N, C-alpha and C. Protein backbone atom coordinates (compact mmCIF):
# COMPACT_ATOMS: atom_id res chain seq x y z
N MET A 1 -27.10 4.89 6.49
CA MET A 1 -26.39 3.64 6.23
C MET A 1 -25.00 3.94 5.68
N ASN A 2 -24.01 3.23 6.18
CA ASN A 2 -22.64 3.43 5.72
C ASN A 2 -22.45 2.84 4.32
N LYS A 3 -21.59 3.50 3.55
CA LYS A 3 -21.24 2.97 2.23
C LYS A 3 -20.39 1.72 2.41
N PRO A 4 -20.48 0.78 1.46
CA PRO A 4 -19.63 -0.41 1.55
C PRO A 4 -18.16 -0.01 1.44
N LEU A 5 -17.31 -0.73 2.16
CA LEU A 5 -15.87 -0.50 2.12
C LEU A 5 -15.21 -1.37 1.06
N PHE A 6 -14.19 -0.81 0.43
CA PHE A 6 -13.39 -1.55 -0.56
C PHE A 6 -11.92 -1.36 -0.23
N ARG A 7 -11.10 -2.27 -0.72
CA ARG A 7 -9.66 -2.14 -0.61
C ARG A 7 -9.04 -2.30 -2.00
N LEU A 8 -7.92 -1.62 -2.18
CA LEU A 8 -7.17 -1.71 -3.42
C LEU A 8 -5.70 -1.79 -3.04
N ILE A 9 -4.99 -2.74 -3.63
CA ILE A 9 -3.55 -2.89 -3.41
C ILE A 9 -2.87 -2.82 -4.76
N TYR A 10 -1.80 -2.03 -4.84
CA TYR A 10 -1.02 -1.98 -6.08
C TYR A 10 0.46 -1.98 -5.75
N SER A 11 1.25 -2.31 -6.76
CA SER A 11 2.71 -2.16 -6.65
C SER A 11 3.18 -1.38 -7.87
N SER A 12 4.36 -0.80 -7.75
CA SER A 12 4.93 -0.03 -8.86
C SER A 12 6.45 0.06 -8.68
N LEU A 13 7.11 0.52 -9.74
CA LEU A 13 8.55 0.73 -9.71
C LEU A 13 8.82 2.21 -9.44
N ARG A 14 9.64 2.47 -8.46
CA ARG A 14 9.99 3.85 -8.10
C ARG A 14 11.03 4.38 -9.08
N LYS A 15 10.77 5.56 -9.62
CA LYS A 15 11.72 6.19 -10.55
C LYS A 15 12.85 6.86 -9.77
N GLU A 16 13.98 7.05 -10.43
CA GLU A 16 15.14 7.66 -9.78
C GLU A 16 14.87 9.08 -9.31
N ASN A 17 13.96 9.80 -9.99
CA ASN A 17 13.65 11.18 -9.61
C ASN A 17 12.85 11.26 -8.31
N CYS A 18 12.44 10.13 -7.77
CA CYS A 18 11.63 10.10 -6.55
C CYS A 18 12.55 9.92 -5.34
N ASP A 19 13.09 11.03 -4.86
CA ASP A 19 14.01 10.99 -3.73
C ASP A 19 13.23 11.13 -2.42
N ALA A 20 13.94 11.24 -1.31
CA ALA A 20 13.30 11.30 0.02
C ALA A 20 12.34 12.49 0.13
N SER A 21 12.68 13.61 -0.48
CA SER A 21 11.79 14.76 -0.40
C SER A 21 10.48 14.50 -1.15
N GLU A 22 10.52 13.72 -2.22
CA GLU A 22 9.31 13.36 -2.96
C GLU A 22 8.43 12.42 -2.14
N ILE A 23 9.06 11.50 -1.39
CA ILE A 23 8.29 10.61 -0.51
C ILE A 23 7.57 11.46 0.54
N GLU A 24 8.26 12.47 1.09
CA GLU A 24 7.62 13.36 2.07
C GLU A 24 6.44 14.10 1.45
N LYS A 25 6.56 14.50 0.19
CA LYS A 25 5.45 15.17 -0.50
C LYS A 25 4.26 14.23 -0.66
N ILE A 26 4.53 12.97 -1.00
CA ILE A 26 3.47 11.98 -1.14
C ILE A 26 2.74 11.82 0.19
N LEU A 27 3.50 11.66 1.27
CA LEU A 27 2.90 11.45 2.58
C LEU A 27 2.13 12.69 3.06
N SER A 28 2.67 13.86 2.77
CA SER A 28 1.96 15.10 3.14
C SER A 28 0.63 15.22 2.40
N ALA A 29 0.64 14.87 1.12
CA ALA A 29 -0.59 14.92 0.34
C ALA A 29 -1.61 13.92 0.88
N CYS A 30 -1.14 12.75 1.27
CA CYS A 30 -2.05 11.73 1.86
C CYS A 30 -2.67 12.25 3.15
N LYS A 31 -1.84 12.82 4.01
CA LYS A 31 -2.33 13.31 5.30
C LYS A 31 -3.31 14.47 5.12
N LYS A 32 -3.11 15.25 4.08
CA LYS A 32 -3.98 16.40 3.80
C LYS A 32 -5.29 15.95 3.14
N ASN A 33 -5.21 15.07 2.15
CA ASN A 33 -6.36 14.73 1.31
C ASN A 33 -7.17 13.52 1.77
N ASN A 34 -6.51 12.52 2.35
CA ASN A 34 -7.21 11.27 2.65
C ASN A 34 -8.28 11.38 3.74
N PRO A 35 -8.07 12.15 4.81
CA PRO A 35 -9.12 12.23 5.83
C PRO A 35 -10.47 12.72 5.29
N GLY A 36 -10.44 13.72 4.42
CA GLY A 36 -11.67 14.25 3.86
C GLY A 36 -12.38 13.28 2.93
N LYS A 37 -11.64 12.32 2.42
CA LYS A 37 -12.22 11.31 1.52
C LYS A 37 -12.44 10.00 2.26
N ASP A 38 -12.12 9.98 3.55
CA ASP A 38 -12.27 8.79 4.40
C ASP A 38 -11.49 7.60 3.84
N ILE A 39 -10.26 7.88 3.37
CA ILE A 39 -9.36 6.85 2.86
C ILE A 39 -8.29 6.59 3.90
N THR A 40 -8.05 5.32 4.20
CA THR A 40 -6.97 4.92 5.08
C THR A 40 -6.11 3.91 4.34
N GLY A 41 -4.94 3.61 4.90
CA GLY A 41 -4.08 2.63 4.26
C GLY A 41 -2.64 2.74 4.68
N VAL A 42 -1.80 2.04 3.93
CA VAL A 42 -0.37 2.01 4.22
C VAL A 42 0.42 2.05 2.91
N LEU A 43 1.65 2.57 3.01
CA LEU A 43 2.56 2.65 1.88
C LEU A 43 3.90 2.06 2.29
N LEU A 44 4.36 1.09 1.54
CA LEU A 44 5.71 0.55 1.71
C LEU A 44 6.54 1.05 0.54
N HIS A 45 7.78 1.42 0.82
CA HIS A 45 8.65 1.81 -0.28
C HIS A 45 10.08 1.40 0.01
N SER A 46 10.78 1.14 -1.06
CA SER A 46 12.22 0.89 -1.00
C SER A 46 12.84 1.85 -1.99
N ASP A 47 14.11 1.70 -2.26
CA ASP A 47 14.73 2.59 -3.25
C ASP A 47 14.27 2.26 -4.67
N LYS A 48 13.59 1.11 -4.86
CA LYS A 48 13.18 0.71 -6.20
C LYS A 48 11.69 0.44 -6.37
N LYS A 49 10.95 0.23 -5.29
CA LYS A 49 9.56 -0.21 -5.42
C LYS A 49 8.62 0.50 -4.45
N PHE A 50 7.34 0.45 -4.80
CA PHE A 50 6.25 0.87 -3.92
C PHE A 50 5.24 -0.27 -3.85
N ILE A 51 4.61 -0.42 -2.71
CA ILE A 51 3.39 -1.21 -2.59
C ILE A 51 2.48 -0.41 -1.67
N GLN A 52 1.23 -0.23 -2.11
CA GLN A 52 0.31 0.58 -1.32
C GLN A 52 -1.01 -0.15 -1.18
N TYR A 53 -1.56 -0.06 0.03
CA TYR A 53 -2.87 -0.62 0.36
C TYR A 53 -3.77 0.55 0.71
N LEU A 54 -4.90 0.68 0.00
CA LEU A 54 -5.87 1.74 0.23
C LEU A 54 -7.20 1.11 0.61
N GLU A 55 -7.94 1.77 1.51
CA GLU A 55 -9.27 1.28 1.85
C GLU A 55 -10.20 2.48 2.04
N GLY A 56 -11.45 2.28 1.62
CA GLY A 56 -12.45 3.33 1.73
C GLY A 56 -13.58 3.09 0.74
N ASP A 57 -14.27 4.16 0.38
CA ASP A 57 -15.35 4.11 -0.60
C ASP A 57 -14.78 3.72 -1.97
N SER A 58 -15.48 2.85 -2.67
CA SER A 58 -15.01 2.36 -3.97
C SER A 58 -14.69 3.49 -4.93
N LYS A 59 -15.61 4.42 -5.08
CA LYS A 59 -15.42 5.54 -6.02
C LYS A 59 -14.18 6.36 -5.64
N GLU A 60 -14.04 6.65 -4.36
CA GLU A 60 -12.90 7.46 -3.90
C GLU A 60 -11.56 6.77 -4.14
N ILE A 61 -11.47 5.47 -3.82
CA ILE A 61 -10.16 4.83 -4.00
C ILE A 61 -9.85 4.57 -5.47
N LEU A 62 -10.87 4.35 -6.30
CA LEU A 62 -10.61 4.18 -7.74
C LEU A 62 -10.18 5.50 -8.37
N GLU A 63 -10.80 6.62 -7.93
CA GLU A 63 -10.37 7.93 -8.44
C GLU A 63 -8.93 8.23 -8.01
N LEU A 64 -8.60 7.90 -6.76
CA LEU A 64 -7.24 8.09 -6.29
C LEU A 64 -6.27 7.21 -7.07
N TYR A 65 -6.64 5.97 -7.32
CA TYR A 65 -5.79 5.06 -8.08
C TYR A 65 -5.53 5.61 -9.49
N ASP A 66 -6.55 6.19 -10.13
CA ASP A 66 -6.35 6.80 -11.45
C ASP A 66 -5.31 7.92 -11.38
N LEU A 67 -5.35 8.73 -10.32
CA LEU A 67 -4.34 9.78 -10.14
C LEU A 67 -2.95 9.18 -9.90
N ILE A 68 -2.90 8.16 -9.08
CA ILE A 68 -1.64 7.50 -8.75
C ILE A 68 -0.98 6.95 -10.02
N LYS A 69 -1.76 6.36 -10.91
CA LYS A 69 -1.20 5.79 -12.15
C LYS A 69 -0.53 6.85 -13.01
N GLU A 70 -0.99 8.11 -12.89
CA GLU A 70 -0.43 9.20 -13.70
C GLU A 70 0.77 9.88 -13.04
N ASP A 71 1.06 9.56 -11.81
CA ASP A 71 2.15 10.20 -11.06
C ASP A 71 3.49 9.82 -11.68
N ASP A 72 4.34 10.83 -11.99
CA ASP A 72 5.61 10.56 -12.67
C ASP A 72 6.74 10.15 -11.73
N ARG A 73 6.43 9.91 -10.47
CA ARG A 73 7.46 9.45 -9.55
C ARG A 73 7.62 7.93 -9.56
N HIS A 74 6.73 7.27 -10.31
CA HIS A 74 6.84 5.82 -10.43
C HIS A 74 6.29 5.38 -11.78
N LYS A 75 6.47 4.09 -12.09
CA LYS A 75 6.01 3.54 -13.36
C LYS A 75 5.60 2.08 -13.13
N SER A 76 5.08 1.47 -14.16
CA SER A 76 4.68 0.06 -14.12
C SER A 76 3.76 -0.24 -12.94
N VAL A 77 2.70 0.55 -12.83
CA VAL A 77 1.73 0.38 -11.75
C VAL A 77 0.87 -0.86 -12.05
N VAL A 78 0.81 -1.78 -11.09
CA VAL A 78 0.06 -3.02 -11.26
C VAL A 78 -0.93 -3.16 -10.10
N MET A 79 -2.22 -3.27 -10.42
CA MET A 79 -3.21 -3.52 -9.38
C MET A 79 -3.11 -4.99 -8.97
N LEU A 80 -2.84 -5.22 -7.69
CA LEU A 80 -2.70 -6.58 -7.19
C LEU A 80 -4.03 -7.12 -6.66
N SER A 81 -4.87 -6.24 -6.16
CA SER A 81 -6.10 -6.69 -5.53
C SER A 81 -7.08 -5.53 -5.43
N TYR A 82 -8.37 -5.83 -5.63
CA TYR A 82 -9.42 -4.84 -5.46
C TYR A 82 -10.69 -5.58 -5.10
N GLY A 83 -11.40 -5.13 -4.09
CA GLY A 83 -12.65 -5.77 -3.75
C GLY A 83 -13.21 -5.28 -2.43
N PRO A 84 -14.40 -5.76 -2.09
CA PRO A 84 -15.06 -5.33 -0.85
C PRO A 84 -14.39 -5.92 0.39
N ILE A 85 -14.49 -5.18 1.49
CA ILE A 85 -14.01 -5.65 2.79
C ILE A 85 -15.11 -5.38 3.82
N LYS A 86 -15.11 -6.17 4.88
CA LYS A 86 -16.13 -6.01 5.92
C LYS A 86 -15.78 -4.87 6.87
N SER A 87 -14.49 -4.69 7.13
CA SER A 87 -14.06 -3.61 8.03
C SER A 87 -12.65 -3.18 7.63
N ARG A 88 -12.27 -2.03 8.11
CA ARG A 88 -10.94 -1.49 7.79
C ARG A 88 -9.85 -2.29 8.50
N ASN A 89 -8.76 -2.47 7.79
CA ASN A 89 -7.58 -3.11 8.37
C ASN A 89 -6.66 -2.09 9.02
N PHE A 90 -6.72 -0.84 8.55
CA PHE A 90 -5.87 0.24 9.08
C PHE A 90 -6.75 1.46 9.37
N PRO A 91 -7.68 1.35 10.32
CA PRO A 91 -8.69 2.40 10.52
C PRO A 91 -8.15 3.76 10.94
N SER A 92 -7.01 3.81 11.60
CA SER A 92 -6.52 5.10 12.09
C SER A 92 -5.34 5.62 11.28
N TRP A 93 -5.01 4.97 10.19
CA TRP A 93 -3.84 5.36 9.41
C TRP A 93 -4.28 5.99 8.10
N HIS A 94 -4.27 7.34 8.05
CA HIS A 94 -4.62 7.99 6.78
C HIS A 94 -3.53 7.73 5.76
N MET A 95 -2.34 7.41 6.20
CA MET A 95 -1.34 6.78 5.36
C MET A 95 -0.14 6.43 6.22
N GLY A 96 -0.15 5.21 6.74
CA GLY A 96 1.03 4.69 7.42
C GLY A 96 2.07 4.37 6.37
N TYR A 97 3.33 4.45 6.74
CA TYR A 97 4.36 4.11 5.74
C TYR A 97 5.55 3.47 6.42
N LYS A 98 6.31 2.77 5.58
CA LYS A 98 7.52 2.12 6.04
C LYS A 98 8.48 2.04 4.88
N ASN A 99 9.73 2.36 5.14
CA ASN A 99 10.79 2.23 4.15
C ASN A 99 11.43 0.87 4.37
N VAL A 100 11.49 0.06 3.34
CA VAL A 100 12.07 -1.27 3.45
C VAL A 100 13.20 -1.43 2.46
N SER A 101 14.21 -2.17 2.86
CA SER A 101 15.30 -2.52 1.96
C SER A 101 15.06 -3.93 1.49
N LEU A 102 14.85 -4.10 0.20
CA LEU A 102 14.59 -5.44 -0.33
C LEU A 102 15.85 -6.29 -0.35
N ASP A 103 17.01 -5.65 -0.28
CA ASP A 103 18.26 -6.40 -0.24
C ASP A 103 18.48 -7.02 1.13
N GLU A 104 17.98 -6.35 2.17
CA GLU A 104 18.16 -6.83 3.54
C GLU A 104 16.81 -6.91 4.23
N LEU A 105 15.90 -7.66 3.66
CA LEU A 105 14.56 -7.75 4.18
C LEU A 105 14.55 -8.63 5.42
N ASN A 106 14.49 -7.99 6.58
CA ASN A 106 14.45 -8.70 7.86
C ASN A 106 13.09 -8.51 8.48
N PHE A 107 12.47 -9.60 8.86
CA PHE A 107 11.16 -9.54 9.48
C PHE A 107 11.31 -9.69 10.98
N GLN A 108 10.90 -8.69 11.73
CA GLN A 108 10.95 -8.75 13.18
C GLN A 108 9.53 -8.93 13.70
N THR A 109 8.90 -9.96 13.20
CA THR A 109 7.53 -10.30 13.56
C THR A 109 7.38 -11.80 13.40
N ASP A 110 6.17 -12.29 13.57
CA ASP A 110 5.96 -13.73 13.50
C ASP A 110 5.68 -14.21 12.08
N ILE A 111 6.27 -13.56 11.08
CA ILE A 111 6.08 -13.97 9.70
C ILE A 111 6.89 -15.24 9.44
N ASP A 112 6.20 -16.24 8.89
CA ASP A 112 6.89 -17.49 8.57
C ASP A 112 7.38 -17.46 7.13
N ARG A 113 7.97 -18.54 6.69
CA ARG A 113 8.56 -18.61 5.35
C ARG A 113 7.52 -18.34 4.27
N GLU A 114 6.33 -18.93 4.42
CA GLU A 114 5.28 -18.73 3.42
C GLU A 114 4.82 -17.27 3.36
N ASP A 115 4.68 -16.63 4.54
CA ASP A 115 4.31 -15.22 4.57
C ASP A 115 5.37 -14.36 3.89
N LYS A 116 6.62 -14.67 4.15
CA LYS A 116 7.71 -13.91 3.53
C LYS A 116 7.64 -14.05 2.01
N GLU A 117 7.37 -15.25 1.52
CA GLU A 117 7.25 -15.46 0.08
C GLU A 117 6.09 -14.65 -0.50
N VAL A 118 4.97 -14.61 0.22
CA VAL A 118 3.82 -13.82 -0.23
C VAL A 118 4.20 -12.34 -0.29
N PHE A 119 4.87 -11.84 0.75
CA PHE A 119 5.26 -10.43 0.81
C PHE A 119 6.20 -10.08 -0.35
N VAL A 120 7.23 -10.86 -0.54
CA VAL A 120 8.19 -10.60 -1.61
C VAL A 120 7.50 -10.66 -2.97
N SER A 121 6.61 -11.61 -3.14
CA SER A 121 5.86 -11.73 -4.39
C SER A 121 5.01 -10.49 -4.65
N MET A 122 4.37 -9.96 -3.59
CA MET A 122 3.57 -8.74 -3.74
C MET A 122 4.45 -7.56 -4.13
N ILE A 123 5.59 -7.42 -3.48
CA ILE A 123 6.52 -6.34 -3.81
C ILE A 123 6.97 -6.45 -5.26
N GLU A 124 7.07 -7.68 -5.76
CA GLU A 124 7.48 -7.89 -7.16
C GLU A 124 6.32 -7.69 -8.14
N GLY A 125 5.13 -7.35 -7.62
CA GLY A 125 4.01 -7.05 -8.50
C GLY A 125 3.19 -8.25 -8.93
N LYS A 126 3.26 -9.33 -8.16
CA LYS A 126 2.50 -10.53 -8.50
C LYS A 126 1.25 -10.61 -7.61
N LYS A 127 0.13 -10.94 -8.21
CA LYS A 127 -1.13 -11.02 -7.47
C LYS A 127 -1.08 -12.18 -6.48
N GLN A 128 -1.79 -11.97 -5.37
CA GLN A 128 -1.84 -12.97 -4.31
C GLN A 128 -3.27 -13.22 -3.89
N ASN A 129 -3.47 -14.28 -3.13
CA ASN A 129 -4.74 -14.50 -2.48
C ASN A 129 -5.00 -13.28 -1.60
N ASP A 130 -6.15 -12.64 -1.77
CA ASP A 130 -6.43 -11.38 -1.08
C ASP A 130 -6.27 -11.48 0.43
N ASP A 131 -6.88 -12.48 1.04
CA ASP A 131 -6.83 -12.60 2.50
C ASP A 131 -5.39 -12.80 2.98
N ARG A 132 -4.64 -13.62 2.31
CA ARG A 132 -3.26 -13.89 2.72
C ARG A 132 -2.40 -12.64 2.56
N GLY A 133 -2.55 -11.94 1.45
CA GLY A 133 -1.78 -10.73 1.23
C GLY A 133 -2.06 -9.66 2.27
N ILE A 134 -3.33 -9.46 2.61
CA ILE A 134 -3.71 -8.46 3.61
C ILE A 134 -3.18 -8.87 4.98
N THR A 135 -3.26 -10.14 5.31
CA THR A 135 -2.74 -10.64 6.59
C THR A 135 -1.25 -10.36 6.71
N VAL A 136 -0.51 -10.59 5.63
CA VAL A 136 0.94 -10.36 5.65
C VAL A 136 1.23 -8.87 5.81
N LEU A 137 0.50 -8.00 5.10
CA LEU A 137 0.72 -6.56 5.24
C LEU A 137 0.44 -6.11 6.66
N LYS A 138 -0.64 -6.61 7.26
CA LYS A 138 -0.95 -6.23 8.64
C LYS A 138 0.15 -6.68 9.60
N LYS A 139 0.65 -7.89 9.44
CA LYS A 139 1.74 -8.38 10.30
C LYS A 139 2.96 -7.48 10.15
N PHE A 140 3.25 -7.10 8.93
CA PHE A 140 4.43 -6.28 8.67
C PHE A 140 4.31 -4.94 9.34
N PHE A 141 3.14 -4.29 9.24
CA PHE A 141 2.96 -2.97 9.83
C PHE A 141 2.78 -3.01 11.33
N GLU A 142 2.23 -4.06 11.85
CA GLU A 142 2.05 -4.17 13.30
C GLU A 142 3.38 -4.34 14.01
N SER A 143 4.42 -4.71 13.26
CA SER A 143 5.75 -4.86 13.87
C SER A 143 6.49 -3.54 13.96
N ALA A 144 5.87 -2.46 13.43
CA ALA A 144 6.53 -1.14 13.41
C ALA A 144 6.80 -0.63 14.81
């Protein structure tokens, strides 16, 4: 029997010491470590913020979140959402990522005004309705 799936979404403030080479290190670590732990998800980052969606076994993603909170490349880590899911939203992405500019946030997808408000609110570290937040993240990444 398969273990129940969980998702965890957090946002944080990116520190100045976290340059492009540090982002590459984060992504390399995800690609190396996440498959063995059966963790999938996505990472959005700008020059000032991170938002990450993780999915997998509850114990594995909570242990990873504890490590993430201690990472000195960011601060003010806020858990936006945590709970069970019926199926993976990003099943083939051990860590998809996208660099976004919050100053010039252009959506090239079917995101409406309300979705944009939800997305910006999540980036600002405010909790959202879980289903709506996940839907907006999926729309954003599917436009890649």
